[in-house]
Amino acid sequence: MKAGKPAPTANLMYRCAGPNCGTLKGITDHWWLMWASFAEFNRPVLYLCPWDDEIAAREGTLHVCGELCAQRLQSQFMGNVRENQRSASV
């Protein structure tokens, strides 16, 4: 590798994480990113942001093709949180 040339980047292909979707991300698609965390607030929190290459490459990030898939994933997250709360109180 010659000095001054940036290292080649991996050609990553992203697939939508929406339930029953699986659409592959194209170059001009306006996708979203979602991820969940427990650490900051000691509670489950769901994050949503516009596409960012750095965040997209992070482990645990869900790649989402649009609003409908984001809504479906949000619904799953909310259902899982409620189910875990019910299980913990029994």
PDB file of N, CA and C in Angstrom:
ATOM      1  N   MET A   1       0.846  -1.179   0.000  1.00  0.00           N
ATOM      2  CA  MET A   1       0.000   0.000   0.000  1.00  0.00           C
ATOM      3  C   MET A   1       0.887   1.238   0.000  1.00  0.00           C
ATOM      4  N   LYS A   2       0.565   2.216  -0.855  1.00  0.00           N
ATOM      5  CA  LYS A   2       1.358   3.428  -0.971  1.00  0.00           C
ATOM      6  C   LYS A   2       1.013   4.393   0.144  1.00  0.00           C
ATOM      7  N   ALA A   3       2.017   5.158   0.570  1.00  0.00           N
ATOM      8  CA  ALA A   3       1.806   6.159   1.616  1.00  0.00           C
ATOM      9  C   ALA A   3       0.822   7.209   1.121  1.00  0.00           C
ATOM     10  N   GLY A   4      -0.055   7.655   2.006  1.00  0.00           N
ATOM     11  CA  GLY A   4      -1.005   8.702   1.669  1.00  0.00           C
ATOM     12  C   GLY A   4      -2.317   8.198   1.100  1.00  0.00           C
ATOM     13  N   LYS A   5      -2.375   6.943   0.678  1.00  0.00           N
ATOM     14  CA  LYS A   5      -3.625   6.383   0.166  1.00  0.00           C
ATOM     15  C   LYS A   5      -4.425   5.793   1.314  1.00  0.00           C
ATOM     16  N   PRO A   6      -5.714   6.090   1.380  1.00  0.00           N
ATOM     17  CA  PRO A   6      -6.518   5.499   2.454  1.00  0.00           C
ATOM     18  C   PRO A   6      -6.671   3.998   2.256  1.00  0.00           C
ATOM     19  N   ALA A   7      -6.841   3.302   3.365  1.00  0.00           N
ATOM     20  CA  ALA A   7      -7.048   1.856   3.310  1.00  0.00           C
ATOM     21  C   ALA A   7      -8.373   1.576   2.611  1.00  0.00           C
ATOM     22  N   PRO A   8      -8.451   0.506   1.828  1.00  0.00           N
ATOM     23  CA  PRO A   8      -9.718   0.193   1.162  1.00  0.00           C
ATOM     24  C   PRO A   8     -10.784  -0.152   2.191  1.00  0.00           C
ATOM     25  N   THR A   9     -11.998   0.293   1.926  1.00  0.00           N
ATOM     26  CA  THR A   9     -13.102  -0.004   2.841  1.00  0.00           C
ATOM     27  C   THR A   9     -13.843  -1.224   2.334  1.00  0.00           C
ATOM     28  N   ALA A  10     -14.436  -1.935   3.239  1.00  0.00           N
ATOM     29  CA  ALA A  10     -15.210  -3.121   2.870  1.00  0.00           C
ATOM     30  C   ALA A  10     -16.476  -2.680   2.149  1.00  0.00           C
ATOM     31  N   ASN A  11     -16.870  -3.420   1.162  1.00  0.00           N
ATOM     32  CA  ASN A  11     -18.107  -3.151   0.450  1.00  0.00           C
ATOM     33  C   ASN A  11     -19.224  -3.875   1.210  1.00  0.00           C
ATOM     34  N   LEU A  12     -19.847  -3.182   2.153  1.00  0.00           N
ATOM     35  CA  LEU A  12     -20.856  -3.791   3.002  1.00  0.00           C
ATOM     36  C   LEU A  12     -22.225  -3.725   2.343  1.00  0.00           C
ATOM     37  N   MET A  13     -22.948  -4.814   2.454  1.00  0.00           N
ATOM     38  CA  MET A  13     -24.329  -4.850   1.981  1.00  0.00           C
ATOM     39  C   MET A  13     -25.224  -4.915   3.211  1.00  0.00           C
ATOM     40  N   TYR A  14     -26.196  -4.048   3.246  1.00  0.00           N
ATOM     41  CA  TYR A  14     -27.103  -4.007   4.382  1.00  0.00           C
ATOM     42  C   TYR A  14     -28.478  -4.486   3.946  1.00  0.00           C
ATOM     43  N   ARG A  15     -29.118  -5.261   4.831  1.00  0.00           N
ATOM     44  CA  ARG A  15     -30.446  -5.808   4.579  1.00  0.00           C
ATOM     45  C   ARG A  15     -31.371  -5.261   5.672  1.00  0.00           C
ATOM     46  N   CYS A  16     -32.577  -4.869   5.288  1.00  0.00           N
ATOM     47  CA  CYS A  16     -33.536  -4.316   6.248  1.00  0.00           C
ATOM     48  C   CYS A  16     -33.880  -5.354   7.311  1.00  0.00           C
ATOM     49  N   ALA A  17     -33.881  -4.903   8.566  1.00  0.00           N
ATOM     50  CA  ALA A  17     -34.190  -5.770   9.699  1.00  0.00           C
ATOM     51  C   ALA A  17     -35.685  -5.837   9.988  1.00  0.00           C
ATOM     52  N   GLY A  18     -36.484  -5.129   9.226  1.00  0.00           N
ATOM     53  CA  GLY A  18     -37.928  -5.142   9.446  1.00  0.00           C
ATOM     54  C   GLY A  18     -38.509  -6.535   9.286  1.00  0.00           C
ATOM     55  N   PRO A  19     -39.512  -6.873  10.094  1.00  0.00           N
ATOM     56  CA  PRO A  19     -40.138  -8.193  10.016  1.00  0.00           C
ATOM     57  C   PRO A  19     -40.630  -8.503   8.605  1.00  0.00           C
ATOM     58  N   ASN A  20     -40.214  -9.641   8.075  1.00  0.00           N
ATOM     59  CA  ASN A  20     -40.611 -10.115   6.743  1.00  0.00           C
ATOM     60  C   ASN A  20     -40.247  -9.139   5.623  1.00  0.00           C
ATOM     61  N   CYS A  21     -39.171  -8.367   5.785  1.00  0.00           N
ATOM     62  CA  CYS A  21     -38.760  -7.425   4.746  1.00  0.00           C
ATOM     63  C   CYS A  21     -37.520  -7.949   4.021  1.00  0.00           C
ATOM     64  N   GLY A  22     -36.345  -7.664   4.545  1.00  0.00           N
ATOM     65  CA  GLY A  22     -35.117  -8.160   3.951  1.00  0.00           C
ATOM     66  C   GLY A  22     -34.639  -7.417   2.717  1.00  0.00           C
ATOM     67  N   THR A  23     -35.201  -6.251   2.420  1.00  0.00           N
ATOM     68  CA  THR A  23     -34.776  -5.453   1.273  1.00  0.00           C
ATOM     69  C   THR A  23     -33.306  -5.091   1.407  1.00  0.00           C
ATOM     70  N   LEU A  24     -32.559  -5.170   0.306  1.00  0.00           N
ATOM     71  CA  LEU A  24     -31.155  -4.768   0.309  1.00  0.00           C
ATOM     72  C   LEU A  24     -31.049  -3.265   0.103  1.00  0.00           C
ATOM     73  N   LYS A  25     -30.125  -2.641   0.829  1.00  0.00           N
ATOM     74  CA  LYS A  25     -29.923  -1.195   0.727  1.00  0.00           C
ATOM     75  C   LYS A  25     -29.200  -0.855  -0.570  1.00  0.00           C
ATOM     76  N   GLY A  26     -29.730   0.115  -1.282  1.00  0.00           N
ATOM     77  CA  GLY A  26     -29.090   0.638  -2.472  1.00  0.00           C
ATOM     78  C   GLY A  26     -28.282   1.881  -2.133  1.00  0.00           C
ATOM     79  N   ILE A  27     -27.618   2.425  -3.108  1.00  0.00           N
ATOM     80  CA  ILE A  27     -26.754   3.592  -2.881  1.00  0.00           C
ATOM     81  C   ILE A  27     -27.560   4.837  -2.530  1.00  0.00           C
ATOM     82  N   THR A  28     -28.684   5.077  -3.175  1.00  0.00           N
ATOM     83  CA  THR A  28     -29.430   6.315  -2.964  1.00  0.00           C
ATOM     84  C   THR A  28     -30.597   6.171  -1.995  1.00  0.00           C
ATOM     85  N   ASP A  29     -30.747   5.023  -1.385  1.00  0.00           N
ATOM     86  CA  ASP A  29     -31.855   4.816  -0.442  1.00  0.00           C
ATOM     87  C   ASP A  29     -31.686   5.709   0.781  1.00  0.00           C
ATOM     88  N   HIS A  30     -32.793   6.177   1.304  1.00  0.00           N
ATOM     89  CA  HIS A  30     -32.799   7.017   2.504  1.00  0.00           C
ATOM     90  C   HIS A  30     -33.255   6.165   3.691  1.00  0.00           C
ATOM     91  N   TRP A  31     -32.335   5.402   4.218  1.00  0.00           N
ATOM     92  CA  TRP A  31     -32.635   4.449   5.275  1.00  0.00           C
ATOM     93  C   TRP A  31     -32.460   5.071   6.653  1.00  0.00           C
ATOM     94  N   TRP A  32     -32.916   4.312   7.656  1.00  0.00           N
ATOM     95  CA  TRP A  32     -32.825   4.697   9.058  1.00  0.00           C
ATOM     96  C   TRP A  32     -32.063   3.627   9.823  1.00  0.00           C
ATOM     97  N   LEU A  33     -31.646   3.982  11.017  1.00  0.00           N
ATOM     98  CA  LEU A  33     -30.941   3.051  11.902  1.00  0.00           C
ATOM     99  C   LEU A  33     -31.642   3.025  13.240  1.00  0.00           C
ATOM    100  N   MET A  34     -31.702   1.826  13.835  1.00  0.00           N
ATOM    101  CA  MET A  34     -32.322   1.663  15.152  1.00  0.00           C
ATOM    102  C   MET A  34     -31.412   0.791  15.998  1.00  0.00           C
ATOM    103  N   TRP A  35     -31.407   1.045  17.311  1.00  0.00           N
ATOM    104  CA  TRP A  35     -30.699   0.184  18.243  1.00  0.00           C
ATOM    105  C   TRP A  35     -31.307   0.400  19.621  1.00  0.00           C
ATOM    106  N   ALA A  36     -31.133  -0.593  20.447  1.00  0.00           N
ATOM    107  CA  ALA A  36     -31.660  -0.532  21.808  1.00  0.00           C
ATOM    108  C   ALA A  36     -30.495  -0.520  22.789  1.00  0.00           C
ATOM    109  N   SER A  37     -30.729   0.121  23.920  1.00  0.00           N
ATOM    110  CA  SER A  37     -29.703   0.180  24.968  1.00  0.00           C
ATOM    111  C   SER A  37     -30.403   0.159  26.323  1.00  0.00           C
ATOM    112  N   PHE A  38     -29.683  -0.308  27.289  1.00  0.00           N
ATOM    113  CA  PHE A  38     -30.188  -0.345  28.662  1.00  0.00           C
ATOM    114  C   PHE A  38     -29.308   0.501  29.577  1.00  0.00           C
ATOM    115  N   ALA A  39     -28.081   0.753  29.146  1.00  0.00           N
ATOM    116  CA  ALA A  39     -27.035   1.296  30.011  1.00  0.00           C
ATOM    117  C   ALA A  39     -27.291   2.720  30.504  1.00  0.00           C
ATOM    118  N   GLU A  40     -27.627   3.633  29.623  1.00  0.00           N
ATOM    119  CA  GLU A  40     -27.649   5.050  29.997  1.00  0.00           C
ATOM    120  C   GLU A  40     -28.701   5.385  31.049  1.00  0.00           C
ATOM    121  N   PHE A  41     -29.888   4.810  30.953  1.00  0.00           N
ATOM    122  CA  PHE A  41     -30.984   5.164  31.862  1.00  0.00           C
ATOM    123  C   PHE A  41     -31.401   4.021  32.772  1.00  0.00           C
ATOM    124  N   ASN A  42     -30.688   2.907  32.710  1.00  0.00           N
ATOM    125  CA  ASN A  42     -31.044   1.712  33.471  1.00  0.00           C
ATOM    126  C   ASN A  42     -32.473   1.262  33.142  1.00  0.00           C
ATOM    127  N   ARG A  43     -32.872   1.520  31.937  1.00  0.00           N
ATOM    128  CA  ARG A  43     -34.170   1.140  31.383  1.00  0.00           C
ATOM    129  C   ARG A  43     -33.953   0.832  29.909  1.00  0.00           C
ATOM    130  N   PRO A  44     -34.785  -0.022  29.306  1.00  0.00           N
ATOM    131  CA  PRO A  44     -34.649  -0.261  27.867  1.00  0.00           C
ATOM    132  C   PRO A  44     -35.069   0.993  27.086  1.00  0.00           C
ATOM    133  N   VAL A  45     -34.202   1.421  26.189  1.00  0.00           N
ATOM    134  CA  VAL A  45     -34.445   2.607  25.371  1.00  0.00           C
ATOM    135  C   VAL A  45     -34.207   2.230  23.913  1.00  0.00           C
ATOM    136  N   LEU A  46     -35.092   2.672  23.036  1.00  0.00           N
ATOM    137  CA  LEU A  46     -34.953   2.425  21.606  1.00  0.00           C
ATOM    138  C   LEU A  46     -34.542   3.729  20.931  1.00  0.00           C
ATOM    139  N   TYR A  47     -33.484   3.661  20.141  1.00  0.00           N
ATOM    140  CA  TYR A  47     -32.972   4.827  19.427  1.00  0.00           C
ATOM    141  C   TYR A  47     -33.271   4.690  17.942  1.00  0.00           C
ATOM    142  N   LEU A  48     -33.516   5.822  17.283  1.00  0.00           N
ATOM    143  CA  LEU A  48     -33.776   5.886  15.859  1.00  0.00           C
ATOM    144  C   LEU A  48     -33.055   7.102  15.305  1.00  0.00           C
ATOM    145  N   CYS A  49     -32.309   6.918  14.218  1.00  0.00           N
ATOM    146  CA  CYS A  49     -31.630   8.061  13.607  1.00  0.00           C
ATOM    147  C   CYS A  49     -31.537   7.861  12.102  1.00  0.00           C
ATOM    148  N   PRO A  50     -31.367   8.961  11.357  1.00  0.00           N
ATOM    149  CA  PRO A  50     -31.141   8.826   9.919  1.00  0.00           C
ATOM    150  C   PRO A  50     -29.840   8.064   9.665  1.00  0.00           C
ATOM    151  N   TRP A  51     -29.682   7.528   8.480  1.00  0.00           N
ATOM    152  CA  TRP A  51     -28.522   6.713   8.122  1.00  0.00           C
ATOM    153  C   TRP A  51     -27.217   7.447   8.392  1.00  0.00           C
ATOM    154  N   ASP A  52     -26.276   6.732   9.002  1.00  0.00           N
ATOM    155  CA  ASP A  52     -24.922   7.216   9.241  1.00  0.00           C
ATOM    156  C   ASP A  52     -24.013   6.001   9.079  1.00  0.00           C
ATOM    157  N   ASP A  53     -23.022   6.085   8.195  1.00  0.00           N
ATOM    158  CA  ASP A  53     -22.172   4.922   7.903  1.00  0.00           C
ATOM    159  C   ASP A  53     -21.478   4.376   9.141  1.00  0.00           C
ATOM    160  N   GLU A  54     -21.023   5.252  10.024  1.00  0.00           N
ATOM    161  CA  GLU A  54     -20.314   4.808  11.228  1.00  0.00           C
ATOM    162  C   GLU A  54     -21.243   4.049  12.168  1.00  0.00           C
ATOM    163  N   ILE A  55     -22.426   4.586  12.390  1.00  0.00           N
ATOM    164  CA  ILE A  55     -23.394   3.922  13.275  1.00  0.00           C
ATOM    165  C   ILE A  55     -23.887   2.622  12.632  1.00  0.00           C
ATOM    166  N   ALA A  56     -24.064   2.634  11.325  1.00  0.00           N
ATOM    167  CA  ALA A  56     -24.545   1.440  10.611  1.00  0.00           C
ATOM    168  C   ALA A  56     -23.609   0.255  10.793  1.00  0.00           C
ATOM    169  N   ALA A  57     -22.310   0.518  10.925  1.00  0.00           N
ATOM    170  CA  ALA A  57     -21.326  -0.557  11.050  1.00  0.00           C
ATOM    171  C   ALA A  57     -21.194  -1.085  12.476  1.00  0.00           C
ATOM    172  N   ARG A  58     -21.813  -0.433  13.441  1.00  0.00           N
ATOM    173  CA  ARG A  58     -21.706  -0.868  14.837  1.00  0.00           C
ATOM    174  C   ARG A  58     -22.523  -2.131  15.090  1.00  0.00           C
ATOM    175  N   GLU A  59     -21.979  -2.985  15.938  1.00  0.00           N
ATOM    176  CA  GLU A  59     -22.682  -4.214  16.316  1.00  0.00           C
ATOM    177  C   GLU A  59     -23.984  -3.861  17.034  1.00  0.00           C
ATOM    178  N   GLY A  60     -25.035  -4.553  16.686  1.00  0.00           N
ATOM    179  CA  GLY A  60     -26.325  -4.348  17.335  1.00  0.00           C
ATOM    180  C   GLY A  60     -27.220  -3.333  16.648  1.00  0.00           C
ATOM    181  N   THR A  61     -26.714  -2.638  15.642  1.00  0.00           N
ATOM    182  CA  THR A  61     -27.521  -1.660  14.924  1.00  0.00           C
ATOM    183  C   THR A  61     -28.433  -2.373  13.935  1.00  0.00           C
ATOM    184  N   LEU A  62     -29.696  -1.975  13.913  1.00  0.00           N
ATOM    185  CA  LEU A  62     -30.657  -2.513  12.959  1.00  0.00           C
ATOM    186  C   LEU A  62     -30.777  -1.539  11.793  1.00  0.00           C
ATOM    187  N   HIS A  63     -30.719  -2.039  10.584  1.00  0.00           N
ATOM    188  CA  HIS A  63     -30.808  -1.238   9.374  1.00  0.00           C
ATOM    189  C   HIS A  63     -32.247  -1.312   8.889  1.00  0.00           C
ATOM    190  N   VAL A  64     -32.866  -0.148   8.678  1.00  0.00           N
ATOM    191  CA  VAL A  64     -34.304  -0.101   8.431  1.00  0.00           C
ATOM    192  C   VAL A  64     -34.581   0.678   7.143  1.00  0.00           C
ATOM    193  N   CYS A  65     -35.338   0.056   6.229  1.00  0.00           N
ATOM    194  CA  CYS A  65     -35.559   0.644   4.903  1.00  0.00           C
ATOM    195  C   CYS A  65     -36.548   1.797   4.901  1.00  0.00           C
ATOM    196  N   GLY A  66     -37.400   1.911   5.897  1.00  0.00           N
ATOM    197  CA  GLY A  66     -38.375   2.998   5.888  1.00  0.00           C
ATOM    198  C   GLY A  66     -39.271   3.003   7.106  1.00  0.00           C
ATOM    199  N   GLU A  67     -40.270   3.860   7.027  1.00  0.00           N
ATOM    200  CA  GLU A  67     -41.161   4.106   8.158  1.00  0.00           C
ATOM    201  C   GLU A  67     -41.934   2.867   8.603  1.00  0.00           C
ATOM    202  N   LEU A  68     -42.469   2.110   7.665  1.00  0.00           N
ATOM    203  CA  LEU A  68     -43.271   0.941   8.024  1.00  0.00           C
ATOM    204  C   LEU A  68     -42.443  -0.086   8.790  1.00  0.00           C
ATOM    205  N   CYS A  69     -41.239  -0.377   8.306  1.00  0.00           N
ATOM    206  CA  CYS A  69     -40.386  -1.345   9.008  1.00  0.00           C
ATOM    207  C   CYS A  69     -39.942  -0.801  10.368  1.00  0.00           C
ATOM    208  N   ALA A  70     -39.682   0.503  10.452  1.00  0.00           N
ATOM    209  CA  ALA A  70     -39.319   1.106  11.736  1.00  0.00           C
ATOM    210  C   ALA A  70     -40.473   0.976  12.730  1.00  0.00           C
ATOM    211  N   GLN A  71     -41.703   1.206  12.258  1.00  0.00           N
ATOM    212  CA  GLN A  71     -42.869   1.077  13.135  1.00  0.00           C
ATOM    213  C   GLN A  71     -43.044  -0.357  13.612  1.00  0.00           C
ATOM    214  N   ARG A  72     -42.833  -1.316  12.732  1.00  0.00           N
ATOM    215  CA  ARG A  72     -42.967  -2.724  13.119  1.00  0.00           C
ATOM    216  C   ARG A  72     -41.916  -3.109  14.158  1.00  0.00           C
ATOM    217  N   LEU A  73     -40.688  -2.644  13.963  1.00  0.00           N
ATOM    218  CA  LEU A  73     -39.631  -2.945  14.943  1.00  0.00           C
ATOM    219  C   LEU A  73     -39.909  -2.255  16.275  1.00  0.00           C
ATOM    220  N   GLN A  74     -40.425  -1.030  16.222  1.00  0.00           N
ATOM    221  CA  GLN A  74     -40.787  -0.323  17.451  1.00  0.00           C
ATOM    222  C   GLN A  74     -41.883  -1.080  18.195  1.00  0.00           C
ATOM    223  N   SER A  75     -42.862  -1.586  17.468  1.00  0.00           N
ATOM    224  CA  SER A  75     -43.942  -2.349  18.076  1.00  0.00           C
ATOM    225  C   SER A  75     -43.415  -3.614  18.744  1.00  0.00           C
ATOM    226  N   GLN A  76     -42.495  -4.317  18.071  1.00  0.00           N
ATOM    227  CA  GLN A  76     -41.881  -5.507  18.668  1.00  0.00           C
ATOM    228  C   GLN A  76     -41.134  -5.149  19.945  1.00  0.00           C
ATOM    229  N   PHE A  77     -40.375  -4.066  19.903  1.00  0.00           N
ATOM    230  CA  PHE A  77     -39.615  -3.617  21.068  1.00  0.00           C
ATOM    231  C   PHE A  77     -40.560  -3.338  22.232  1.00  0.00           C
ATOM    232  N   MET A  78     -41.623  -2.593  21.968  1.00  0.00           N
ATOM    233  CA  MET A  78     -42.564  -2.243  23.034  1.00  0.00           C
ATOM    234  C   MET A  78     -43.231  -3.488  23.602  1.00  0.00           C
ATOM    235  N   GLY A  79     -43.617  -4.425  22.740  1.00  0.00           N
ATOM    236  CA  GLY A  79     -44.224  -5.670  23.209  1.00  0.00           C
ATOM    237  C   GLY A  79     -43.265  -6.479  24.060  1.00  0.00           C
ATOM    238  N   ASN A  80     -41.998  -6.537  23.644  1.00  0.00           N
ATOM    239  CA  ASN A  80     -40.997  -7.276  24.423  1.00  0.00           C
ATOM    240  C   ASN A  80     -40.771  -6.641  25.787  1.00  0.00           C
ATOM    241  N   VAL A  81     -40.734  -5.319  25.846  1.00  0.00           N
ATOM    242  CA  VAL A  81     -40.543  -4.628  27.129  1.00  0.00           C
ATOM    243  C   VAL A  81     -41.711  -4.930  28.054  1.00  0.00           C
ATOM    244  N   ARG A  82     -42.944  -4.813  27.539  1.00  0.00           N
ATOM    245  CA  ARG A  82     -44.136  -5.086  28.368  1.00  0.00           C
ATOM    246  C   ARG A  82     -44.162  -6.544  28.830  1.00  0.00           C
ATOM    247  N   GLU A  83     -43.832  -7.477  27.955  1.00  0.00           N
ATOM    248  CA  GLU A  83     -43.827  -8.884  28.309  1.00  0.00           C
ATOM    249  C   GLU A  83     -42.791  -9.170  29.401  1.00  0.00           C
ATOM    250  N   ASN A  84     -41.625  -8.564  29.286  1.00  0.00           N
ATOM    251  CA  ASN A  84     -40.589  -8.734  30.316  1.00  0.00           C
ATOM    252  C   ASN A  84     -41.010  -8.120  31.639  1.00  0.00           C
ATOM    253  N   GLN A  85     -41.729  -7.000  31.602  1.00  0.00           N
ATOM    254  CA  GLN A  85     -42.224  -6.390  32.835  1.00  0.00           C
ATOM    255  C   GLN A  85     -43.257  -7.296  33.504  1.00  0.00           C
ATOM    256  N   ARG A  86     -44.131  -7.887  32.703  1.00  0.00           N
ATOM    257  CA  ARG A  86     -45.137  -8.808  33.259  1.00  0.00           C
ATOM    258  C   ARG A  86     -44.478 -10.026  33.859  1.00  0.00           C
ATOM    259  N   SER A  87     -43.496 -10.582  33.170  1.00  0.00           N
ATOM    260  CA  SER A  87     -42.791 -11.775  33.652  1.00  0.00           C
ATOM    261  C   SER A  87     -42.045 -11.512  34.942  1.00  0.00           C
ATOM    262  N   ALA A  88     -41.492 -10.316  35.062  1.00  0.00           N
ATOM    263  CA  ALA A  88     -40.716  -9.971  36.253  1.00  0.00           C
ATOM    264  C   ALA A  88     -41.616  -9.740  37.468  1.00  0.00           C
ATOM    265  N   SER A  89     -42.862  -9.331  37.228  1.00  0.00           N
ATOM    266  CA  SER A  89     -43.753  -9.044  38.359  1.00  0.00           C
ATOM    267  C   SER A  89     -44.498 -10.271  38.848  1.00  0.00           C
ATOM    268  N   VAL A  90     -44.410 -11.379  38.129  1.00  0.00           N
ATOM    269  CA  VAL A  90     -45.136 -12.602  38.526  1.00  0.00           C
ATOM    270  C   VAL A  90     -44.340 -13.370  39.560  1.00  0.00           C
TER     271      VAL A  90
END
